[in-house]
């Protein structure tokens, strides 16, 4: 997966997004991209009865990045910038994705 289209080159496990004006953006790493990808990988494994992805370093890095988006007060940030490594977007709609991720309510 060294040439993944949306993957950050600088932050392990982080994934960018497609912006209507800028095209593919890999310097803003979003929870919606990371969690969406993690759920897709997990869904594949669960539906095929295999652990192709969940046992991979790639999946582990992705889940690690998601978990590292948690702030000191227990809430989550929505995105992280590649340029300054700062996390932004507390209190945004992106808060719901980590909650669903933690509770495991989308895939069981």
PDB file of N, CA and C in Angstrom:
ATOM      1  N   UNK A   1       0.807  -1.193   0.000  1.00  0.00           N
ATOM      2  CA  UNK A   1       0.000   0.000   0.000  1.00  0.00           C
ATOM      3  C   UNK A   1       0.852   1.260   0.000  1.00  0.00           C
ATOM      4  N   UNK A   2       2.066   1.182  -0.458  1.00  0.00           N
ATOM      5  CA  UNK A   2       2.947   2.345  -0.437  1.00  0.00           C
ATOM      6  C   UNK A   2       2.462   3.486  -1.318  1.00  0.00           C
ATOM      7  N   UNK A   3       1.638   3.211  -2.304  1.00  0.00           N
ATOM      8  CA  UNK A   3       1.197   4.251  -3.225  1.00  0.00           C
ATOM      9  C   UNK A   3      -0.299   4.508  -3.115  1.00  0.00           C
ATOM     10  N   UNK A   4      -0.839   4.387  -1.914  1.00  0.00           N
ATOM     11  CA  UNK A   4      -2.261   4.635  -1.711  1.00  0.00           C
ATOM     12  C   UNK A   4      -2.570   6.086  -2.061  1.00  0.00           C
ATOM     13  N   UNK A   5      -3.645   6.289  -2.795  1.00  0.00           N
ATOM     14  CA  UNK A   5      -3.984   7.583  -3.357  1.00  0.00           C
ATOM     15  C   UNK A   5      -4.243   8.663  -2.310  1.00  0.00           C
ATOM     16  N   UNK A   6      -4.913   8.350  -1.232  1.00  0.00           N
ATOM     17  CA  UNK A   6      -5.297   9.346  -0.240  1.00  0.00           C
ATOM     18  C   UNK A   6      -4.411   9.346   1.001  1.00  0.00           C
ATOM     19  N   UNK A   7      -3.476   8.426   1.097  1.00  0.00           N
ATOM     20  CA  UNK A   7      -2.670   8.279   2.309  1.00  0.00           C
ATOM     21  C   UNK A   7      -1.647   9.399   2.455  1.00  0.00           C
ATOM     22  N   UNK A   8      -1.467   9.846   3.686  1.00  0.00           N
ATOM     23  CA  UNK A   8      -0.467  10.864   3.995  1.00  0.00           C
ATOM     24  C   UNK A   8       0.929  10.278   3.864  1.00  0.00           C
ATOM     25  N   UNK A   9       1.820  11.083   3.369  1.00  0.00           N
ATOM     26  CA  UNK A   9       3.222  10.665   3.303  1.00  0.00           C
ATOM     27  C   UNK A   9       3.959  10.973   4.593  1.00  0.00           C
ATOM     28  N   UNK A  10       3.364  11.835   5.448  1.00  0.00           N
ATOM     29  CA  UNK A  10       4.069  12.304   6.635  1.00  0.00           C
ATOM     30  C   UNK A  10       3.498  11.830   7.965  1.00  0.00           C
ATOM     31  N   UNK A  11       2.204  11.490   8.002  1.00  0.00           N
ATOM     32  CA  UNK A  11       1.581  11.073   9.258  1.00  0.00           C
ATOM     33  C   UNK A  11       1.078   9.642   9.095  1.00  0.00           C
ATOM     34  N   UNK A  12       1.688   8.739   9.811  1.00  0.00           N
ATOM     35  CA  UNK A  12       1.374   7.316   9.715  1.00  0.00           C
ATOM     36  C   UNK A  12      -0.097   7.050  10.041  1.00  0.00           C
ATOM     37  N   UNK A  13      -0.791   6.401   9.125  1.00  0.00           N
ATOM     38  CA  UNK A  13      -2.178   6.016   9.337  1.00  0.00           C
ATOM     39  C   UNK A  13      -3.200   7.049   8.919  1.00  0.00           C
ATOM     40  N   UNK A  14      -2.779   8.272   8.598  1.00  0.00           N
ATOM     41  CA  UNK A  14      -3.706   9.332   8.238  1.00  0.00           C
ATOM     42  C   UNK A  14      -4.070   9.319   6.753  1.00  0.00           C
ATOM     43  N   UNK A  15      -5.324   9.637   6.462  1.00  0.00           N
ATOM     44  CA  UNK A  15      -5.805   9.674   5.078  1.00  0.00           C
ATOM     45  C   UNK A  15      -6.502  10.983   4.782  1.00  0.00           C
ATOM     46  N   UNK A  16      -6.233  11.507   3.614  1.00  0.00           N
ATOM     47  CA  UNK A  16      -6.838  12.748   3.159  1.00  0.00           C
ATOM     48  C   UNK A  16      -8.234  12.519   2.610  1.00  0.00           C
ATOM     49  N   UNK A  17      -8.637  13.407   1.714  1.00  0.00           N
ATOM     50  CA  UNK A  17     -10.003  13.376   1.201  1.00  0.00           C
ATOM     51  C   UNK A  17     -10.048  14.009  -0.174  1.00  0.00           C
ATOM     52  N   UNK A  18     -11.202  13.927  -0.806  1.00  0.00           N
ATOM     53  CA  UNK A  18     -11.413  14.594  -2.087  1.00  0.00           C
ATOM     54  C   UNK A  18     -12.193  15.866  -1.844  1.00  0.00           C
ATOM     55  N   UNK A  19     -11.637  16.969  -2.274  1.00  0.00           N
ATOM     56  CA  UNK A  19     -12.275  18.271  -2.139  1.00  0.00           C
ATOM     57  C   UNK A  19     -12.759  18.691  -3.527  1.00  0.00           C
ATOM     58  N   UNK A  20     -13.987  19.153  -3.623  1.00  0.00           N
ATOM     59  CA  UNK A  20     -14.547  19.534  -4.913  1.00  0.00           C
ATOM     60  C   UNK A  20     -13.754  20.593  -5.655  1.00  0.00           C
ATOM     61  N   UNK A  21     -13.101  21.475  -4.936  1.00  0.00           N
ATOM     62  CA  UNK A  21     -12.326  22.545  -5.571  1.00  0.00           C
ATOM     63  C   UNK A  21     -10.860  22.195  -5.755  1.00  0.00           C
ATOM     64  N   UNK A  22     -10.294  21.483  -4.786  1.00  0.00           N
ATOM     65  CA  UNK A  22      -8.851  21.211  -4.812  1.00  0.00           C
ATOM     66  C   UNK A  22      -8.494  19.825  -5.305  1.00  0.00           C
ATOM     67  N   UNK A  23      -9.465  18.976  -5.502  1.00  0.00           N
ATOM     68  CA  UNK A  23      -9.177  17.605  -5.910  1.00  0.00           C
ATOM     69  C   UNK A  23      -8.760  16.766  -4.718  1.00  0.00           C
ATOM     70  N   UNK A  24      -7.829  15.852  -4.901  1.00  0.00           N
ATOM     71  CA  UNK A  24      -7.376  14.976  -3.817  1.00  0.00           C
ATOM     72  C   UNK A  24      -6.434  15.755  -2.913  1.00  0.00           C
ATOM     73  N   UNK A  25      -6.785  15.821  -1.648  1.00  0.00           N
ATOM     74  CA  UNK A  25      -6.027  16.582  -0.658  1.00  0.00           C
ATOM     75  C   UNK A  25      -5.435  15.601   0.345  1.00  0.00           C
ATOM     76  N   UNK A  26      -4.127  15.556   0.431  1.00  0.00           N
ATOM     77  CA  UNK A  26      -3.484  14.636   1.385  1.00  0.00           C
ATOM     78  C   UNK A  26      -2.770  15.378   2.502  1.00  0.00           C
ATOM     79  N   UNK A  27      -2.922  16.701   2.560  1.00  0.00           N
ATOM     80  CA  UNK A  27      -2.295  17.446   3.653  1.00  0.00           C
ATOM     81  C   UNK A  27      -3.304  17.808   4.749  1.00  0.00           C
ATOM     82  N   UNK A  28      -4.564  17.399   4.579  1.00  0.00           N
ATOM     83  CA  UNK A  28      -5.592  17.503   5.612  1.00  0.00           C
ATOM     84  C   UNK A  28      -6.167  16.107   5.799  1.00  0.00           C
ATOM     85  N   UNK A  29      -5.887  15.511   6.926  1.00  0.00           N
ATOM     86  CA  UNK A  29      -6.252  14.118   7.169  1.00  0.00           C
ATOM     87  C   UNK A  29      -7.521  14.088   7.997  1.00  0.00           C
ATOM     88  N   UNK A  30      -8.567  13.520   7.447  1.00  0.00           N
ATOM     89  CA  UNK A  30      -9.890  13.601   8.063  1.00  0.00           C
ATOM     90  C   UNK A  30     -10.342  12.285   8.685  1.00  0.00           C
ATOM     91  N   UNK A  31     -11.031  12.417   9.816  1.00  0.00           N
ATOM     92  CA  UNK A  31     -11.607  11.254  10.494  1.00  0.00           C
ATOM     93  C   UNK A  31     -12.592  10.535   9.585  1.00  0.00           C
ATOM     94  N   UNK A  32     -13.379  11.270   8.821  1.00  0.00           N
ATOM     95  CA  UNK A  32     -14.373  10.609   7.967  1.00  0.00           C
ATOM     96  C   UNK A  32     -13.695   9.709   6.941  1.00  0.00           C
ATOM     97  N   UNK A  33     -12.540  10.100   6.457  1.00  0.00           N
ATOM     98  CA  UNK A  33     -11.809   9.247   5.514  1.00  0.00           C
ATOM     99  C   UNK A  33     -11.218   8.034   6.218  1.00  0.00           C
ATOM    100  N   UNK A  34     -10.577   8.280   7.346  1.00  0.00           N
ATOM    101  CA  UNK A  34      -9.933   7.189   8.079  1.00  0.00           C
ATOM    102  C   UNK A  34     -10.919   6.168   8.599  1.00  0.00           C
ATOM    103  N   UNK A  35     -11.986   6.642   9.231  1.00  0.00           N
ATOM    104  CA  UNK A  35     -12.967   5.718   9.789  1.00  0.00           C
ATOM    105  C   UNK A  35     -13.734   5.010   8.683  1.00  0.00           C
ATOM    106  N   UNK A  36     -14.044   5.731   7.607  1.00  0.00           N
ATOM    107  CA  UNK A  36     -14.716   5.087   6.472  1.00  0.00           C
ATOM    108  C   UNK A  36     -13.877   3.962   5.893  1.00  0.00           C
ATOM    109  N   UNK A  37     -12.578   4.214   5.745  1.00  0.00           N
ATOM    110  CA  UNK A  37     -11.675   3.190   5.227  1.00  0.00           C
ATOM    111  C   UNK A  37     -11.565   2.015   6.200  1.00  0.00           C
ATOM    112  N   UNK A  38     -11.411   2.318   7.476  1.00  0.00           N
ATOM    113  CA  UNK A  38     -11.295   1.246   8.473  1.00  0.00           C
ATOM    114  C   UNK A  38     -12.545   0.371   8.488  1.00  0.00           C
ATOM    115  N   UNK A  39     -13.714   1.005   8.390  1.00  0.00           N
ATOM    116  CA  UNK A  39     -14.957   0.229   8.357  1.00  0.00           C
ATOM    117  C   UNK A  39     -15.061  -0.629   7.098  1.00  0.00           C
ATOM    118  N   UNK A  40     -14.618  -0.103   5.979  1.00  0.00           N
ATOM    119  CA  UNK A  40     -14.655  -0.882   4.733  1.00  0.00           C
ATOM    120  C   UNK A  40     -13.751  -2.113   4.845  1.00  0.00           C
ATOM    121  N   UNK A  41     -12.561  -1.931   5.409  1.00  0.00           N
ATOM    122  CA  UNK A  41     -11.635  -3.052   5.577  1.00  0.00           C
ATOM    123  C   UNK A  41     -12.200  -4.091   6.543  1.00  0.00           C
ATOM    124  N   UNK A  42     -12.771  -3.605   7.645  1.00  0.00           N
ATOM    125  CA  UNK A  42     -13.357  -4.509   8.630  1.00  0.00           C
ATOM    126  C   UNK A  42     -14.562  -5.250   8.044  1.00  0.00           C
ATOM    127  N   UNK A  43     -15.382  -4.536   7.274  1.00  0.00           N
ATOM    128  CA  UNK A  43     -16.555  -5.154   6.652  1.00  0.00           C
ATOM    129  C   UNK A  43     -16.133  -6.258   5.689  1.00  0.00           C
ATOM    130  N   UNK A  44     -15.078  -6.014   4.934  1.00  0.00           N
ATOM    131  CA  UNK A  44     -14.577  -7.045   4.017  1.00  0.00           C
ATOM    132  C   UNK A  44     -14.201  -8.301   4.801  1.00  0.00           C
ATOM    133  N   UNK A  45     -13.412  -8.103   5.854  1.00  0.00           N
ATOM    134  CA  UNK A  45     -12.985  -9.249   6.658  1.00  0.00           C
ATOM    135  C   UNK A  45     -14.173  -9.995   7.265  1.00  0.00           C
ATOM    136  N   UNK A  46     -15.113  -9.257   7.814  1.00  0.00           N
ATOM    137  CA  UNK A  46     -16.271  -9.904   8.446  1.00  0.00           C
ATOM    138  C   UNK A  46     -17.142 -10.643   7.430  1.00  0.00           C
ATOM    139  N   UNK A  47     -17.304 -10.066   6.256  1.00  0.00           N
ATOM    140  CA  UNK A  47     -18.172 -10.677   5.250  1.00  0.00           C
ATOM    141  C   UNK A  47     -17.526 -11.834   4.500  1.00  0.00           C
ATOM    142  N   UNK A  48     -16.209 -11.882   4.484  1.00  0.00           N
ATOM    143  CA  UNK A  48     -15.528 -12.999   3.823  1.00  0.00           C
ATOM    144  C   UNK A  48     -15.096 -14.070   4.819  1.00  0.00           C
ATOM    145  N   UNK A  49     -15.178 -13.737   6.108  1.00  0.00           N
ATOM    146  CA  UNK A  49     -14.741 -14.686   7.125  1.00  0.00           C
ATOM    147  C   UNK A  49     -13.230 -14.788   7.216  1.00  0.00           C
ATOM    148  N   UNK A  50     -12.526 -13.828   6.646  1.00  0.00           N
ATOM    149  CA  UNK A  50     -11.064 -13.817   6.665  1.00  0.00           C
ATOM    150  C   UNK A  50     -10.583 -12.611   7.468  1.00  0.00           C
ATOM    151  N   UNK A  51      -9.318 -12.610   7.805  1.00  0.00           N
ATOM    152  CA  UNK A  51      -8.714 -11.453   8.463  1.00  0.00           C
ATOM    153  C   UNK A  51      -7.592 -10.896   7.598  1.00  0.00           C
ATOM    154  N   UNK A  52      -7.926 -10.623   6.359  1.00  0.00           N
ATOM    155  CA  UNK A  52      -6.946 -10.098   5.414  1.00  0.00           C
ATOM    156  C   UNK A  52      -6.439  -8.739   5.876  1.00  0.00           C
ATOM    157  N   UNK A  53      -7.345  -7.867   6.277  1.00  0.00           N
ATOM    158  CA  UNK A  53      -6.974  -6.504   6.625  1.00  0.00           C
ATOM    159  C   UNK A  53      -6.774  -6.281   8.117  1.00  0.00           C
ATOM    160  N   UNK A  54      -7.643  -6.817   8.945  1.00  0.00           N
ATOM    161  CA  UNK A  54      -7.577  -6.523  10.377  1.00  0.00           C
ATOM    162  C   UNK A  54      -6.286  -7.012  11.028  1.00  0.00           C
ATOM    163  N   UNK A  55      -5.602  -7.935  10.424  1.00  0.00           N
ATOM    164  CA  UNK A  55      -4.325  -8.421  10.954  1.00  0.00           C
ATOM    165  C   UNK A  55      -3.124  -7.738  10.306  1.00  0.00           C
ATOM    166  N   UNK A  56      -3.379  -6.715   9.472  1.00  0.00           N
ATOM    167  CA  UNK A  56      -2.283  -6.077   8.738  1.00  0.00           C
ATOM    168  C   UNK A  56      -1.719  -4.862   9.480  1.00  0.00           C
ATOM    169  N   UNK A  57      -0.490  -4.548   9.202  1.00  0.00           N
ATOM    170  CA  UNK A  57       0.151  -3.357   9.763  1.00  0.00           C
ATOM    171  C   UNK A  57      -0.578  -2.097   9.274  1.00  0.00           C
ATOM    172  N   UNK A  58      -1.032  -2.131   8.043  1.00  0.00           N
ATOM    173  CA  UNK A  58      -1.763  -1.020   7.440  1.00  0.00           C
ATOM    174  C   UNK A  58      -3.007  -0.680   8.265  1.00  0.00           C
ATOM    175  N   UNK A  59      -3.790  -1.692   8.594  1.00  0.00           N
ATOM    176  CA  UNK A  59      -5.001  -1.497   9.390  1.00  0.00           C
ATOM    177  C   UNK A  59      -4.640  -1.018  10.802  1.00  0.00           C
ATOM    178  N   UNK A  60      -3.605  -1.577  11.366  1.00  0.00           N
ATOM    179  CA  UNK A  60      -3.155  -1.182  12.696  1.00  0.00           C
ATOM    180  C   UNK A  60      -2.732   0.289  12.724  1.00  0.00           C
ATOM    181  N   UNK A  61      -1.999   0.728  11.701  1.00  0.00           N
ATOM    182  CA  UNK A  61      -1.587   2.132  11.598  1.00  0.00           C
ATOM    183  C   UNK A  61      -2.803   3.047  11.485  1.00  0.00           C
ATOM    184  N   UNK A  62      -3.759   2.642  10.671  1.00  0.00           N
ATOM    185  CA  UNK A  62      -4.973   3.420  10.480  1.00  0.00           C
ATOM    186  C   UNK A  62      -5.751   3.556  11.791  1.00  0.00           C
ATOM    187  N   UNK A  63      -5.948   2.453  12.484  1.00  0.00           N
ATOM    188  CA  UNK A  63      -6.669   2.488  13.764  1.00  0.00           C
ATOM    189  C   UNK A  63      -5.895   3.287  14.805  1.00  0.00           C
ATOM    190  N   UNK A  64      -4.577   3.193  14.771  1.00  0.00           N
ATOM    191  CA  UNK A  64      -3.745   3.969  15.686  1.00  0.00           C
ATOM    192  C   UNK A  64      -3.910   5.466  15.455  1.00  0.00           C
ATOM    193  N   UNK A  65      -3.963   5.876  14.178  1.00  0.00           N
ATOM    194  CA  UNK A  65      -4.165   7.290  13.875  1.00  0.00           C
ATOM    195  C   UNK A  65      -5.535   7.756  14.379  1.00  0.00           C
ATOM    196  N   UNK A  66      -6.564   6.944  14.143  1.00  0.00           N
ATOM    197  CA  UNK A  66      -7.908   7.286  14.621  1.00  0.00           C
ATOM    198  C   UNK A  66      -7.883   7.471  16.134  1.00  0.00           C
ATOM    199  N   UNK A  67      -7.293   6.549  16.852  1.00  0.00           N
ATOM    200  CA  UNK A  67      -7.233   6.629  18.306  1.00  0.00           C
ATOM    201  C   UNK A  67      -6.425   7.838  18.780  1.00  0.00           C
ATOM    202  N   UNK A  68      -5.399   8.216  18.025  1.00  0.00           N
ATOM    203  CA  UNK A  68      -4.573   9.371  18.389  1.00  0.00           C
ATOM    204  C   UNK A  68      -5.245  10.708  18.117  1.00  0.00           C
ATOM    205  N   UNK A  69      -6.389  10.686  17.487  1.00  0.00           N
ATOM    206  CA  UNK A  69      -7.132  11.929  17.254  1.00  0.00           C
ATOM    207  C   UNK A  69      -7.957  12.319  18.478  1.00  0.00           C
ATOM    208  N   UNK A  70      -7.880  11.539  19.519  1.00  0.00           N
ATOM    209  CA  UNK A  70      -8.596  11.845  20.759  1.00  0.00           C
ATOM    210  C   UNK A  70      -7.842  12.949  21.506  1.00  0.00           C
ATOM    211  N   UNK A  71      -8.594  13.909  22.040  1.00  0.00           N
ATOM    212  CA  UNK A  71      -7.974  15.005  22.782  1.00  0.00           C
ATOM    213  C   UNK A  71      -7.893  14.650  24.270  1.00  0.00           C
ATOM    214  N   UNK A  72      -7.253  15.494  25.026  1.00  0.00           N
ATOM    215  CA  UNK A  72      -7.088  15.258  26.467  1.00  0.00           C
ATOM    216  C   UNK A  72      -8.408  15.249  27.220  1.00  0.00           C
ATOM    217  N   UNK A  73      -9.432  15.925  26.692  1.00  0.00           N
ATOM    218  CA  UNK A  73     -10.716  15.971  27.394  1.00  0.00           C
ATOM    219  C   UNK A  73     -11.657  14.833  26.980  1.00  0.00           C
ATOM    220  N   UNK A  74     -11.166  13.923  26.141  1.00  0.00           N
ATOM    221  CA  UNK A  74     -11.961  12.763  25.745  1.00  0.00           C
ATOM    222  C   UNK A  74     -12.736  12.932  24.460  1.00  0.00           C
ATOM    223  N   UNK A  75     -12.806  14.158  23.937  1.00  0.00           N
ATOM    224  CA  UNK A  75     -13.471  14.361  22.652  1.00  0.00           C
ATOM    225  C   UNK A  75     -12.482  14.062  21.529  1.00  0.00           C
ATOM    226  N   UNK A  76     -12.950  14.115  20.312  1.00  0.00           N
ATOM    227  CA  UNK A  76     -12.098  13.837  19.161  1.00  0.00           C
ATOM    228  C   UNK A  76     -12.019  15.043  18.243  1.00  0.00           C
ATOM    229  N   UNK A  77     -10.910  15.144  17.560  1.00  0.00           N
ATOM    230  CA  UNK A  77     -10.746  16.167  16.532  1.00  0.00           C
ATOM    231  C   UNK A  77     -11.260  15.618  15.211  1.00  0.00           C
ATOM    232  N   UNK A  78     -11.645  16.497  14.313  1.00  0.00           N
ATOM    233  CA  UNK A  78     -12.154  16.075  13.017  1.00  0.00           C
ATOM    234  C   UNK A  78     -11.038  15.842  12.007  1.00  0.00           C
ATOM    235  N   UNK A  79      -9.999  16.674  12.041  1.00  0.00           N
ATOM    236  CA  UNK A  79      -8.923  16.503  11.066  1.00  0.00           C
ATOM    237  C   UNK A  79      -7.595  16.984  11.624  1.00  0.00           C
ATOM    238  N   UNK A  80      -6.529  16.571  10.934  1.00  0.00           N
ATOM    239  CA  UNK A  80      -5.165  16.936  11.295  1.00  0.00           C
ATOM    240  C   UNK A  80      -4.471  17.425  10.036  1.00  0.00           C
ATOM    241  N   UNK A  81      -3.681  18.476  10.175  1.00  0.00           N
ATOM    242  CA  UNK A  81      -2.954  18.973   9.001  1.00  0.00           C
ATOM    243  C   UNK A  81      -1.574  18.337   8.944  1.00  0.00           C
ATOM    244  N   UNK A  82      -1.175  18.039   7.739  1.00  0.00           N
ATOM    245  CA  UNK A  82       0.111  17.413   7.483  1.00  0.00           C
ATOM    246  C   UNK A  82       1.250  18.412   7.681  1.00  0.00           C
ATOM    247  N   UNK A  83       0.985  19.672   7.383  1.00  0.00           N
ATOM    248  CA  UNK A  83       2.050  20.674   7.403  1.00  0.00           C
ATOM    249  C   UNK A  83       2.530  21.006   8.806  1.00  0.00           C
ATOM    250  N   UNK A  84       1.605  21.155   9.774  1.00  0.00           N
ATOM    251  CA  UNK A  84       2.021  21.511  11.124  1.00  0.00           C
ATOM    252  C   UNK A  84       1.690  20.432  12.167  1.00  0.00           C
ATOM    253  N   UNK A  85       1.080  19.323  11.727  1.00  0.00           N
ATOM    254  CA  UNK A  85       0.733  18.171  12.584  1.00  0.00           C
ATOM    255  C   UNK A  85      -0.310  18.511  13.649  1.00  0.00           C
ATOM    256  N   UNK A  86      -0.941  19.685  13.542  1.00  0.00           N
ATOM    257  CA  UNK A  86      -1.951  20.105  14.508  1.00  0.00           C
ATOM    258  C   UNK A  86      -3.293  19.447  14.203  1.00  0.00           C
ATOM    259  N   UNK A  87      -4.109  19.299  15.241  1.00  0.00           N
ATOM    260  CA  UNK A  87      -5.435  18.690  15.111  1.00  0.00           C
ATOM    261  C   UNK A  87      -6.486  19.777  15.300  1.00  0.00           C
ATOM    262  N   UNK A  88      -7.547  19.714  14.490  1.00  0.00           N
ATOM    263  CA  UNK A  88      -8.566  20.757  14.476  1.00  0.00           C
ATOM    264  C   UNK A  88      -9.966  20.147  14.420  1.00  0.00           C
ATOM    265  N   UNK A  89     -10.965  20.981  14.670  1.00  0.00           N
ATOM    266  CA  UNK A  89     -12.350  20.605  14.435  1.00  0.00           C
ATOM    267  C   UNK A  89     -13.081  19.991  15.594  1.00  0.00           C
ATOM    268  N   UNK A  90     -12.708  20.309  16.818  1.00  0.00           N
ATOM    269  CA  UNK A  90     -13.447  19.778  17.962  1.00  0.00           C
ATOM    270  C   UNK A  90     -14.868  20.343  17.965  1.00  0.00           C
ATOM    271  N   UNK A  91     -15.826  19.503  18.290  1.00  0.00           N
ATOM    272  CA  UNK A  91     -17.209  19.938  18.359  1.00  0.00           C
ATOM    273  C   UNK A  91     -17.914  19.954  17.024  1.00  0.00           C
ATOM    274  N   UNK A  92     -17.262  19.442  15.994  1.00  0.00           N
ATOM    275  CA  UNK A  92     -17.869  19.433  14.671  1.00  0.00           C
ATOM    276  C   UNK A  92     -18.664  18.151  14.461  1.00  0.00           C
ATOM    277  N   UNK A  93     -19.287  18.065  13.313  1.00  0.00           N
ATOM    278  CA  UNK A  93     -20.060  16.856  12.982  1.00  0.00           C
ATOM    279  C   UNK A  93     -19.180  15.611  12.970  1.00  0.00           C
ATOM    280  N   UNK A  94     -17.892  15.789  12.788  1.00  0.00           N
ATOM    281  CA  UNK A  94     -16.971  14.660  12.797  1.00  0.00           C
ATOM    282  C   UNK A  94     -16.914  13.950  14.136  1.00  0.00           C
ATOM    283  N   UNK A  95     -17.503  14.538  15.185  1.00  0.00           N
ATOM    284  CA  UNK A  95     -17.515  13.904  16.502  1.00  0.00           C
ATOM    285  C   UNK A  95     -18.286  12.588  16.495  1.00  0.00           C
ATOM    286  N   UNK A  96     -19.266  12.467  15.638  1.00  0.00           N
ATOM    287  CA  UNK A  96     -20.105  11.269  15.637  1.00  0.00           C
ATOM    288  C   UNK A  96     -19.376  10.051  15.106  1.00  0.00           C
ATOM    289  N   UNK A  97     -18.469  10.236  14.194  1.00  0.00           N
ATOM    290  CA  UNK A  97     -17.743   9.094  13.642  1.00  0.00           C
ATOM    291  C   UNK A  97     -16.910   8.362  14.686  1.00  0.00           C
ATOM    292  N   UNK A  98     -16.106   9.059  15.501  1.00  0.00           N
ATOM    293  CA  UNK A  98     -15.351   8.305  16.506  1.00  0.00           C
ATOM    294  C   UNK A  98     -16.249   7.636  17.536  1.00  0.00           C
ATOM    295  N   UNK A  99     -17.379   8.242  17.839  1.00  0.00           N
ATOM    296  CA  UNK A  99     -18.296   7.610  18.789  1.00  0.00           C
ATOM    297  C   UNK A  99     -18.775   6.272  18.227  1.00  0.00           C
ATOM    298  N   UNK A 100     -19.181   6.272  16.969  1.00  0.00           N
ATOM    299  CA  UNK A 100     -19.622   5.031  16.333  1.00  0.00           C
ATOM    300  C   UNK A 100     -18.479   4.026  16.256  1.00  0.00           C
ATOM    301  N   UNK A 101     -17.266   4.520  16.014  1.00  0.00           N
ATOM    302  CA  UNK A 101     -16.092   3.657  15.936  1.00  0.00           C
ATOM    303  C   UNK A 101     -15.844   2.992  17.289  1.00  0.00           C
ATOM    304  N   UNK A 102     -15.843   3.780  18.347  1.00  0.00           N
ATOM    305  CA  UNK A 102     -15.568   3.262  19.694  1.00  0.00           C
ATOM    306  C   UNK A 102     -16.624   2.256  20.115  1.00  0.00           C
ATOM    307  N   UNK A 103     -17.875   2.585  19.861  1.00  0.00           N
ATOM    308  CA  UNK A 103     -18.957   1.709  20.294  1.00  0.00           C
ATOM    309  C   UNK A 103     -19.120   0.491  19.389  1.00  0.00           C
ATOM    310  N   UNK A 104     -18.523   0.550  18.196  1.00  0.00           N
ATOM    311  CA  UNK A 104     -18.627  -0.572  17.272  1.00  0.00           C
ATOM    312  C   UNK A 104     -20.026  -0.800  16.766  1.00  0.00           C
ATOM    313  N   UNK A 105     -20.808   0.271  16.667  1.00  0.00           N
ATOM    314  CA  UNK A 105     -22.218   0.105  16.308  1.00  0.00           C
ATOM    315  C   UNK A 105     -22.470  -0.048  14.823  1.00  0.00           C
ATOM    316  N   UNK A 106     -21.509   0.307  13.986  1.00  0.00           N
ATOM    317  CA  UNK A 106     -21.747   0.182  12.551  1.00  0.00           C
ATOM    318  C   UNK A 106     -21.528  -1.249  12.056  1.00  0.00           C
ATOM    319  N   UNK A 107     -20.572  -1.918  12.640  1.00  0.00           N
ATOM    320  CA  UNK A 107     -20.268  -3.294  12.239  1.00  0.00           C
ATOM    321  C   UNK A 107     -20.086  -4.140  13.479  1.00  0.00           C
ATOM    322  N   UNK A 108     -20.741  -5.248  13.502  1.00  0.00           N
ATOM    323  CA  UNK A 108     -20.585  -6.160  14.635  1.00  0.00           C
ATOM    324  C   UNK A 108     -20.213  -7.529  14.143  1.00  0.00           C
TER     325      UNK A 108
END
